[in-house]
Amino acid sequence: MLRAWQLYVLLAPTLLYFLVFKYWPMYGVQIAFRDYTPAGGFTNSPWVGFEQFTRFFASYQFGTVVTNTLLLALVNLAFVFPIPIVLALLVHQLAQGRFRRFVQNVLYAPTFISTVVVVGIVFILLSPRAGLVNNAIVMLGGHPIFFMGSAEWFRPIYVASSVWQEAGFNMVVYLAALAGIDPALHDAAKMDGASRLRRIWHIDIPGIAPVISVLFVLAVGNLLNLGFEKALLMQTDLNVATSQIVQTYVYDVGLQHADFSYAAAIGLFNSLLNLALLLTFNWVARRARQSSLW
């Protein structure tokens, strides 16, 4: 440590960040096992054990909230995860030049748009009166659809906006992995008469398979941590039947109704499920001899 003290100095701000903002707040997770009151604080509030968890499991909202979260998370994963891989493979086939850089910039640009702005764009485009989408539907002889007021449209709109906003960033990660593949492999495949699709299937995809494996494990480990901001901003009284997920429910009972212990218990339950998924799929990746986190 003394010989490499400069490196530890560079590492210190990151360590302090995690200690202060990630590990120290874990001290407050005990309120999930207490009947927390601001006057009693963390240590003097009555200890109730697993009462808050039992209350959540017995709640009429439990089935709806968990089902909505799982369905939205699975559908989101099914589209948001593979599409960047396909985009990266397609962009990688383009010749180096202005057109390729233009395509990359167009796909990557939505990453820099804030969630609030994205939801605002969605509301404007899908407006039943002046929205571009409904205007097109009317021109084709259809009737306007109140997308943001329909529970059945919430998940498709959420997933589609997530793909548009996030696919470009993940695409860049896979493009970086593709750049590390030895060009000699493609040259040899061309000499053997392999088509472009064959080279993608037998060279490009196996070449980025370790990156896909690691990112998939991370995605599964974060499966139930859906974008709280987007879900809350897109939530209306008319689509709450499908838009009420764990994160928005925690916000509702914790901040709107000041039931802090109950909200903490729900959040802890969600985090433990994510941890279980992460450990399980990391173990599966290791058993399948794929790249894993550890």
Protein backbone atom coordinates (compact mmCIF):
# COMPACT_ATOMS: atom_id res chain seq x y z
CA MET A 1 0.00 0.00 0.00
CA LEU A 2 2.87 2.38 0.75
CA ARG A 3 4.51 1.68 -2.61
CA ALA A 4 1.24 2.29 -4.49
CA TRP A 5 -0.20 5.03 -2.27
CA GLN A 6 -1.06 7.18 -5.31
CA LEU A 7 -3.46 4.51 -6.58
CA TYR A 8 -5.14 4.28 -3.18
CA VAL A 9 -5.57 8.06 -3.13
CA LEU A 10 -7.31 7.82 -6.50
CA LEU A 11 -9.50 5.03 -5.13
CA ALA A 12 -10.37 6.86 -1.89
CA PRO A 13 -13.19 9.11 -3.25
CA THR A 14 -15.01 6.07 -4.69
CA LEU A 15 -14.62 4.13 -1.44
CA LEU A 16 -15.88 7.11 0.55
CA TYR A 17 -18.86 7.45 -1.78
CA PHE A 18 -19.90 3.82 -1.25
CA LEU A 19 -19.28 3.97 2.50
CA VAL A 20 -21.27 7.17 3.01
CA PHE A 21 -24.10 6.72 0.51
CA LYS A 22 -24.40 2.92 0.21
CA TYR A 23 -23.21 1.17 3.36
CA TRP A 24 -23.88 3.67 6.13
CA PRO A 25 -27.59 4.04 5.17
CA MET A 26 -27.97 0.27 5.71
CA TYR A 27 -28.02 1.11 9.41
CA GLY A 28 -31.51 2.50 8.85
CA VAL A 29 -32.86 -0.73 7.35
CA GLN A 30 -33.75 -1.82 10.87
CA ILE A 31 -36.90 0.34 10.70
CA ALA A 32 -38.36 -2.45 8.55
CA PHE A 33 -38.46 -4.50 11.77
CA ARG A 34 -39.75 -1.67 13.98
CA ASP A 35 -42.88 0.43 14.31
CA TYR A 36 -40.89 3.51 13.41
CA THR A 37 -41.79 6.95 14.73
CA PRO A 38 -39.67 10.07 14.18
CA ALA A 39 -39.77 10.75 17.92
CA GLY A 40 -38.40 7.32 18.79
CA GLY A 41 -35.82 7.25 16.02
CA PHE A 42 -34.08 4.16 14.73
CA THR A 43 -33.23 2.64 18.09
CA ASN A 44 -36.08 3.64 20.39
CA SER A 45 -39.02 2.76 18.14
CA PRO A 46 -40.82 -0.45 19.22
CA TRP A 47 -39.41 -3.68 17.77
CA VAL A 48 -42.10 -5.63 15.89
CA GLY A 49 -40.03 -8.24 14.06
CA PHE A 50 -41.55 -9.46 10.80
CA GLU A 51 -44.91 -7.80 11.37
CA GLN A 52 -44.43 -5.32 8.53
CA PHE A 53 -43.55 -8.12 6.09
CA THR A 54 -46.56 -10.19 7.18
CA ARG A 55 -48.75 -7.14 6.71
CA PHE A 56 -47.48 -6.72 3.15
CA PHE A 57 -47.92 -10.40 2.28
CA ALA A 58 -51.48 -10.32 3.62
CA SER A 59 -52.32 -7.05 1.87
CA TYR A 60 -54.79 -7.10 -1.02
CA GLN A 61 -52.20 -5.05 -2.96
CA PHE A 62 -49.49 -7.72 -2.67
CA GLY A 63 -50.61 -9.85 -5.61
CA THR A 64 -51.28 -6.89 -7.88
CA VAL A 65 -48.06 -5.04 -7.11
CA VAL A 66 -45.78 -8.07 -7.37
CA THR A 67 -47.49 -9.31 -10.56
CA ASN A 68 -47.26 -5.88 -12.20
CA THR A 69 -43.59 -5.61 -11.26
CA LEU A 70 -42.66 -9.07 -12.52
CA LEU A 71 -44.58 -8.74 -15.79
CA LEU A 72 -43.16 -5.32 -16.56
CA ALA A 73 -39.63 -6.42 -15.60
CA LEU A 74 -39.75 -9.58 -17.73
CA VAL A 75 -41.21 -7.84 -20.78
CA ASN A 76 -38.72 -5.00 -20.37
CA LEU A 77 -35.82 -7.47 -20.13
CA ALA A 78 -37.07 -9.46 -23.13
CA PHE A 79 -36.85 -6.38 -25.39
CA VAL A 80 -34.34 -3.99 -23.81
CA PHE A 81 -31.60 -6.61 -23.43
CA PRO A 82 -31.39 -8.25 -26.92
CA ILE A 83 -32.13 -5.22 -29.11
CA PRO A 84 -28.78 -3.47 -28.34
CA ILE A 85 -26.98 -6.68 -29.35
CA VAL A 86 -28.78 -6.71 -32.70
CA LEU A 87 -28.09 -3.00 -33.23
CA ALA A 88 -24.40 -3.46 -32.41
CA LEU A 89 -24.09 -6.36 -34.88
CA LEU A 90 -25.82 -4.31 -37.61
CA VAL A 91 -23.81 -1.13 -37.02
CA HIS A 92 -20.60 -3.16 -36.89
CA GLN A 93 -21.27 -4.31 -40.45
CA LEU A 94 -21.31 -0.73 -41.74
CA ALA A 95 -18.13 0.56 -43.30
CA GLN A 96 -16.14 3.04 -41.25
CA GLY A 97 -17.07 6.56 -42.25
CA ARG A 98 -19.48 9.43 -41.77
CA PHE A 99 -22.61 7.33 -42.24
CA ARG A 100 -21.60 4.87 -39.52
CA ARG A 101 -20.76 7.69 -37.10
CA PHE A 102 -24.09 9.35 -37.94
CA VAL A 103 -26.03 6.15 -37.21
CA GLN A 104 -24.17 5.64 -33.93
CA ASN A 105 -24.86 9.21 -32.83
CA VAL A 106 -28.56 8.96 -33.73
CA LEU A 107 -28.94 5.74 -31.73
CA TYR A 108 -26.84 6.97 -28.81
CA ALA A 109 -28.33 10.48 -28.50
CA PRO A 110 -31.51 9.49 -26.56
CA THR A 111 -29.29 8.33 -23.68
CA PHE A 112 -28.65 11.98 -22.80
CA ILE A 113 -32.34 12.87 -22.60
CA SER A 114 -33.67 12.91 -19.04
CA THR A 115 -36.51 10.63 -18.02
CA VAL A 116 -38.79 13.61 -17.37
CA VAL A 117 -38.29 14.85 -20.92
CA VAL A 118 -38.79 11.37 -22.39
CA VAL A 119 -42.13 10.97 -20.58
CA GLY A 120 -43.12 14.47 -21.68
CA ILE A 121 -42.38 13.53 -25.30
CA VAL A 122 -44.43 10.34 -24.87
CA PHE A 123 -47.43 12.29 -23.54
CA ILE A 124 -47.23 14.78 -26.40
CA LEU A 125 -46.87 12.13 -29.12
CA LEU A 126 -49.71 10.02 -27.71
CA SER A 127 -52.09 12.86 -26.88
CA PRO A 128 -55.65 11.84 -27.93
CA ARG A 129 -56.32 15.26 -29.49
CA ALA A 130 -53.09 16.70 -30.87
CA GLY A 131 -50.70 13.74 -30.71
CA LEU A 132 -48.84 12.72 -33.84
CA VAL A 133 -49.71 9.05 -33.36
CA ASN A 134 -53.45 9.64 -32.97
CA ASN A 135 -53.45 12.06 -35.90
CA ALA A 136 -51.95 9.29 -38.04
CA ILE A 137 -54.56 6.83 -36.78
CA VAL A 138 -57.39 9.24 -37.67
CA MET A 139 -55.91 9.86 -41.14
CA LEU A 140 -55.95 6.10 -41.72
CA GLY A 141 -59.63 5.98 -40.78
CA GLY A 142 -59.34 4.87 -37.17
CA HIS A 143 -60.43 6.43 -33.91
CA PRO A 144 -58.17 8.21 -31.39
CA ILE A 145 -56.84 6.06 -28.54
CA PHE A 146 -56.29 7.43 -25.05
CA PHE A 147 -52.98 5.60 -24.63
CA MET A 148 -51.93 7.09 -21.27
CA GLY A 149 -55.38 6.46 -19.82
CA SER A 150 -55.50 2.80 -20.81
CA ALA A 151 -54.08 0.21 -18.44
CA GLU A 152 -53.36 -2.26 -21.26
CA TRP A 153 -51.13 0.25 -23.08
CA PHE A 154 -48.90 1.09 -20.12
CA ARG A 155 -46.44 -1.80 -20.50
CA PRO A 156 -45.95 -1.48 -24.30
CA ILE A 157 -45.37 2.27 -23.99
CA TYR A 158 -42.98 1.84 -21.05
CA VAL A 159 -40.94 -0.82 -22.83
CA ALA A 160 -40.87 1.01 -26.17
CA SER A 161 -39.66 4.24 -24.55
CA SER A 162 -37.03 2.27 -22.58
CA VAL A 163 -35.72 0.68 -25.78
CA TRP A 164 -35.50 4.05 -27.49
CA GLN A 165 -33.73 5.67 -24.54
CA GLU A 166 -31.38 2.88 -23.41
CA ALA A 167 -30.57 0.74 -26.45
CA GLY A 168 -27.93 3.16 -27.79
CA PHE A 169 -25.84 3.14 -24.61
CA ASN A 170 -25.81 -0.65 -24.35
CA MET A 171 -25.07 -0.86 -28.08
CA VAL A 172 -21.81 1.04 -27.53
CA VAL A 173 -20.72 -1.56 -24.96
CA TYR A 174 -21.19 -4.37 -27.46
CA LEU A 175 -19.51 -2.36 -30.23
CA ALA A 176 -16.47 -2.04 -27.98
CA ALA A 177 -16.49 -5.82 -27.49
CA LEU A 178 -16.82 -6.38 -31.25
CA ALA A 179 -13.85 -4.09 -31.87
CA GLY A 180 -11.71 -6.48 -29.81
CA ILE A 181 -12.34 -9.45 -32.13
CA ASP A 182 -9.31 -10.35 -34.24
CA PRO A 183 -9.95 -9.24 -37.88
CA ALA A 184 -7.88 -12.23 -39.04
CA LEU A 185 -10.79 -14.48 -38.08
CA HIS A 186 -13.07 -12.67 -40.53
CA ASP A 187 -10.39 -12.72 -43.24
CA ALA A 188 -9.97 -16.47 -42.84
CA ALA A 189 -13.74 -16.99 -42.91
CA LYS A 190 -14.00 -14.94 -46.12
CA MET A 191 -11.29 -17.09 -47.72
CA ASP A 192 -13.34 -20.17 -46.81
CA GLY A 193 -16.41 -18.66 -48.46
CA ALA A 194 -18.38 -17.81 -45.32
CA SER A 195 -21.23 -15.37 -45.88
CA ARG A 196 -21.75 -12.28 -43.75
CA LEU A 197 -24.47 -13.97 -41.71
CA ARG A 198 -22.23 -16.99 -41.13
CA ARG A 199 -19.43 -14.74 -39.90
CA ILE A 200 -21.80 -12.95 -37.53
CA TRP A 201 -23.09 -16.25 -36.16
CA HIS A 202 -19.76 -18.06 -35.81
CA ILE A 203 -17.35 -15.19 -35.06
CA ASP A 204 -19.07 -12.03 -33.80
CA ILE A 205 -21.63 -13.57 -31.45
CA PRO A 206 -19.18 -16.03 -29.81
CA GLY A 207 -16.67 -13.18 -29.56
CA ILE A 208 -19.02 -11.02 -27.48
CA ALA A 209 -20.63 -13.95 -25.60
CA PRO A 210 -18.63 -13.27 -22.37
CA VAL A 211 -19.82 -9.65 -22.36
CA ILE A 212 -23.41 -10.75 -23.03
CA SER A 213 -23.20 -13.25 -20.16
CA VAL A 214 -21.92 -10.71 -17.62
CA LEU A 215 -24.41 -8.02 -18.65
CA PHE A 216 -27.25 -10.53 -18.55
CA VAL A 217 -26.36 -11.55 -15.00
CA LEU A 218 -26.27 -7.87 -14.01
CA ALA A 219 -29.60 -7.23 -15.75
CA VAL A 220 -31.25 -10.15 -13.98
CA GLY A 221 -29.78 -9.06 -10.64
CA ASN A 222 -31.37 -5.67 -11.21
CA LEU A 223 -34.55 -7.13 -12.69
CA LEU A 224 -37.01 -5.80 -10.11
CA ASN A 225 -35.38 -2.36 -9.82
CA LEU A 226 -37.42 -0.83 -12.60
CA GLY A 227 -37.19 2.86 -13.39
CA PHE A 228 -39.16 4.41 -10.55
CA GLU A 229 -39.17 7.89 -12.09
CA LYS A 230 -40.59 6.76 -15.43
CA ALA A 231 -43.25 4.54 -13.88
CA LEU A 232 -44.34 7.31 -11.50
CA LEU A 233 -44.42 9.96 -14.23
CA MET A 234 -46.36 7.71 -16.59
CA GLN A 235 -48.82 6.64 -13.89
CA THR A 236 -52.34 8.04 -14.04
CA ASP A 237 -55.52 7.23 -12.15
CA LEU A 238 -56.76 5.37 -15.23
CA ASN A 239 -53.75 3.08 -15.76
CA VAL A 240 -52.85 2.46 -12.11
CA ALA A 241 -54.10 -1.14 -12.41
CA THR A 242 -50.93 -2.04 -14.35
CA SER A 243 -48.60 0.87 -13.52
CA GLN A 244 -48.57 0.32 -9.74
CA ILE A 245 -45.26 -1.49 -9.22
CA VAL A 246 -43.21 -2.08 -6.08
CA GLN A 247 -41.24 1.17 -6.38
CA THR A 248 -44.28 3.38 -6.88
CA TYR A 249 -46.13 1.53 -4.10
CA VAL A 250 -43.21 2.17 -1.72
CA TYR A 251 -43.31 5.85 -2.64
CA ASP A 252 -47.07 5.92 -2.07
CA VAL A 253 -47.11 4.28 1.37
CA GLY A 254 -43.78 5.69 2.54
CA LEU A 255 -43.90 9.32 1.51
CA GLN A 256 -47.53 9.96 0.68
CA HIS A 257 -48.88 8.19 3.78
CA ALA A 258 -45.77 8.45 6.02
CA ASP A 259 -45.80 4.71 6.81
CA PHE A 260 -42.01 4.47 6.87
CA SER A 261 -41.58 1.01 8.42
CA TYR A 262 -44.03 -0.61 6.03
CA ALA A 263 -42.35 1.03 3.03
CA ALA A 264 -38.89 -0.02 4.26
CA ALA A 265 -40.06 -3.63 4.65
CA ILE A 266 -41.40 -3.68 1.07
CA GLY A 267 -38.18 -2.16 -0.26
CA LEU A 268 -36.07 -4.69 1.66
CA PHE A 269 -38.20 -7.56 0.33
CA ASN A 270 -37.64 -6.28 -3.22
CA SER A 271 -33.87 -5.99 -2.67
CA LEU A 272 -33.64 -9.51 -1.26
CA LEU A 273 -35.45 -10.87 -4.32
CA ASN A 274 -32.96 -9.08 -6.57
CA LEU A 275 -30.06 -10.50 -4.56
CA ALA A 276 -31.49 -14.02 -4.86
CA LEU A 277 -31.87 -13.62 -8.64
CA LEU A 278 -28.32 -12.29 -8.96
CA LEU A 279 -26.81 -15.18 -6.97
CA THR A 280 -28.90 -17.77 -8.82
CA PHE A 281 -28.10 -16.61 -12.35
CA ASN A 282 -24.45 -16.02 -11.52
CA TRP A 283 -24.30 -19.65 -10.33
CA VAL A 284 -26.06 -20.79 -13.52
CA ALA A 285 -23.53 -18.84 -15.64
CA ARG A 286 -20.62 -20.50 -13.83
CA ARG A 287 -22.17 -23.96 -14.20
CA ALA A 288 -22.65 -23.30 -17.92
CA ARG A 289 -18.97 -22.27 -18.10
CA GLN A 290 -19.90 -18.76 -19.19
CA SER A 291 -18.41 -15.53 -17.89
CA SER A 292 -19.81 -14.59 -14.49
CA LEU A 293 -19.35 -11.83 -11.92
CA TRP A 294 -17.37 -14.08 -9.58
